[in-house]
Amino acid sequence: MNARRAQEVARRQELLELEAEVQRLTLAATLSHYEHLRVLSWAGSAARIGLRIFAAAPRMRWLLLATLWRRFARRKG
């Protein structure tokens, strides 16, 4: 009976270790997903701020247009 109990304990420990590994992998995937969402949220916020500045300041639009025009002219010439 003692050997059978030892086998049961070993089997139970193996199952618990497998369950713990599954939980670790699930947690890692969830945290990775949340990190991805956080980066997307940050990028979206930065883009909104940039568009607001771009829309509110005509000088910024002209500065950007002049910079792009200058770079484009250098490549042609």
C-alpha atoms as a PDB file:
ATOM      1  CA  MET A   1       0.000   0.000   0.000  1.00  0.00           C
ATOM      2  CA  ASN A   2       2.897   2.339   0.699  1.00  0.00           C
ATOM      3  CA  ALA A   3       4.279   1.952  -2.852  1.00  0.00           C
ATOM      4  CA  ARG A   4       0.834   2.620  -4.319  1.00  0.00           C
ATOM      5  CA  ARG A   5       0.485   5.768  -2.213  1.00  0.00           C
ATOM      6  CA  ALA A   6       3.923   6.931  -3.385  1.00  0.00           C
ATOM      7  CA  GLN A   7       2.848   6.427  -7.009  1.00  0.00           C
ATOM      8  CA  GLU A   8      -0.343   8.407  -6.417  1.00  0.00           C
ATOM      9  CA  VAL A   9       1.613  11.239  -4.814  1.00  0.00           C
ATOM     10  CA  ALA A  10       4.128  11.266  -7.684  1.00  0.00           C
ATOM     11  CA  ARG A  11       1.314  11.287 -10.254  1.00  0.00           C
ATOM     12  CA  ARG A  12      -0.475  14.087  -8.411  1.00  0.00           C
ATOM     13  CA  GLN A  13       2.739  16.123  -8.255  1.00  0.00           C
ATOM     14  CA  GLU A  14       3.310  15.633 -11.992  1.00  0.00           C
ATOM     15  CA  LEU A  15      -0.226  16.790 -12.752  1.00  0.00           C
ATOM     16  CA  LEU A  16       0.183  19.838 -10.529  1.00  0.00           C
ATOM     17  CA  GLU A  17       3.459  20.732 -12.262  1.00  0.00           C
ATOM     18  CA  LEU A  18       1.778  20.445 -15.673  1.00  0.00           C
ATOM     19  CA  GLU A  19      -1.108  22.607 -14.505  1.00  0.00           C
ATOM     20  CA  ALA A  20       1.324  25.200 -13.157  1.00  0.00           C
ATOM     21  CA  GLU A  21       3.155  25.268 -16.506  1.00  0.00           C
ATOM     22  CA  VAL A  22      -0.131  25.835 -18.351  1.00  0.00           C
ATOM     23  CA  GLN A  23      -0.993  28.666 -15.970  1.00  0.00           C
ATOM     24  CA  ARG A  24       2.436  30.279 -16.482  1.00  0.00           C
ATOM     25  CA  LEU A  25       2.051  30.115 -20.268  1.00  0.00           C
ATOM     26  CA  THR A  26      -1.472  31.535 -20.099  1.00  0.00           C
ATOM     27  CA  LEU A  27      -0.327  34.373 -17.859  1.00  0.00           C
ATOM     28  CA  ALA A  28       2.603  35.169 -20.163  1.00  0.00           C
ATOM     29  CA  ALA A  29       0.302  35.268 -23.194  1.00  0.00           C
ATOM     30  CA  THR A  30      -2.197  37.489 -21.383  1.00  0.00           C
ATOM     31  CA  LEU A  31       0.482  39.916 -20.226  1.00  0.00           C
ATOM     32  CA  SER A  32       1.943  40.041 -23.727  1.00  0.00           C
ATOM     33  CA  HIS A  33      -1.495  40.842 -25.121  1.00  0.00           C
ATOM     34  CA  TYR A  34      -2.028  43.619 -22.571  1.00  0.00           C
ATOM     35  CA  GLU A  35       1.416  45.060 -23.342  1.00  0.00           C
ATOM     36  CA  HIS A  36       0.541  45.075 -27.053  1.00  0.00           C
ATOM     37  CA  LEU A  37      -2.744  46.871 -26.314  1.00  0.00           C
ATOM     38  CA  ARG A  38      -0.927  49.404 -24.137  1.00  0.00           C
ATOM     39  CA  VAL A  39       1.552  50.172 -26.923  1.00  0.00           C
ATOM     40  CA  LEU A  40      -1.276  50.565 -29.424  1.00  0.00           C
ATOM     41  CA  SER A  41      -3.103  52.871 -27.040  1.00  0.00           C
ATOM     42  CA  TRP A  42       0.012  54.983 -26.510  1.00  0.00           C
ATOM     43  CA  ALA A  43       0.661  55.207 -30.257  1.00  0.00           C
ATOM     44  CA  GLY A  44      -2.953  56.194 -30.892  1.00  0.00           C
ATOM     45  CA  SER A  45      -2.751  58.917 -28.269  1.00  0.00           C
ATOM     46  CA  ALA A  46       0.477  60.247 -29.755  1.00  0.00           C
ATOM     47  CA  ALA A  47      -1.074  60.261 -33.225  1.00  0.00           C
ATOM     48  CA  ARG A  48      -4.150  62.148 -31.975  1.00  0.00           C
ATOM     49  CA  ILE A  49      -1.961  64.755 -30.293  1.00  0.00           C
ATOM     50  CA  GLY A  50       0.107  65.106 -33.459  1.00  0.00           C
ATOM     51  CA  LEU A  51      -2.983  65.536 -35.607  1.00  0.00           C
ATOM     52  CA  ARG A  52      -4.403  68.144 -33.243  1.00  0.00           C
ATOM     53  CA  ILE A  53      -1.182  70.141 -33.378  1.00  0.00           C
ATOM     54  CA  PHE A  54      -1.010  69.720 -37.137  1.00  0.00           C
ATOM     55  CA  ALA A  55      -4.633  70.835 -37.592  1.00  0.00           C
ATOM     56  CA  ALA A  56      -4.433  73.736 -35.144  1.00  0.00           C
ATOM     57  CA  ALA A  57      -1.190  75.302 -36.331  1.00  0.00           C
ATOM     58  CA  PRO A  58      -0.967  76.372 -39.990  1.00  0.00           C
ATOM     59  CA  ARG A  59       2.695  77.152 -39.413  1.00  0.00           C
ATOM     60  CA  MET A  60       3.316  73.475 -38.587  1.00  0.00           C
ATOM     61  CA  ARG A  61       1.647  72.419 -41.832  1.00  0.00           C
ATOM     62  CA  TRP A  62       3.836  74.792 -43.828  1.00  0.00           C
ATOM     63  CA  LEU A  63       6.953  73.674 -41.995  1.00  0.00           C
ATOM     64  CA  LEU A  64       6.189  70.039 -42.742  1.00  0.00           C
ATOM     65  CA  LEU A  65       5.329  70.778 -46.363  1.00  0.00           C
ATOM     66  CA  ALA A  66       8.528  72.820 -46.825  1.00  0.00           C
ATOM     67  CA  THR A  67      10.637  70.051 -45.287  1.00  0.00           C
ATOM     68  CA  LEU A  68       9.100  67.403 -47.505  1.00  0.00           C
ATOM     69  CA  TRP A  69       9.395  69.638 -50.575  1.00  0.00           C
ATOM     70  CA  ARG A  70      13.090  70.274 -49.852  1.00  0.00           C
ATOM     71  CA  ARG A  71      13.818  66.552 -49.456  1.00  0.00           C
ATOM     72  CA  PHE A  72      11.919  65.730 -52.602  1.00  0.00           C
ATOM     73  CA  ALA A  73      13.792  68.453 -54.544  1.00  0.00           C
ATOM     74  CA  ARG A  74      17.160  67.088 -53.348  1.00  0.00           C
ATOM     75  CA  ARG A  75      16.357  63.628 -54.663  1.00  0.00           C
ATOM     76  CA  LYS A  76      15.394  64.967 -58.070  1.00  0.00           C
ATOM     77  CA  GLY A  77      18.335  67.278 -58.447  1.00  0.00           C
END
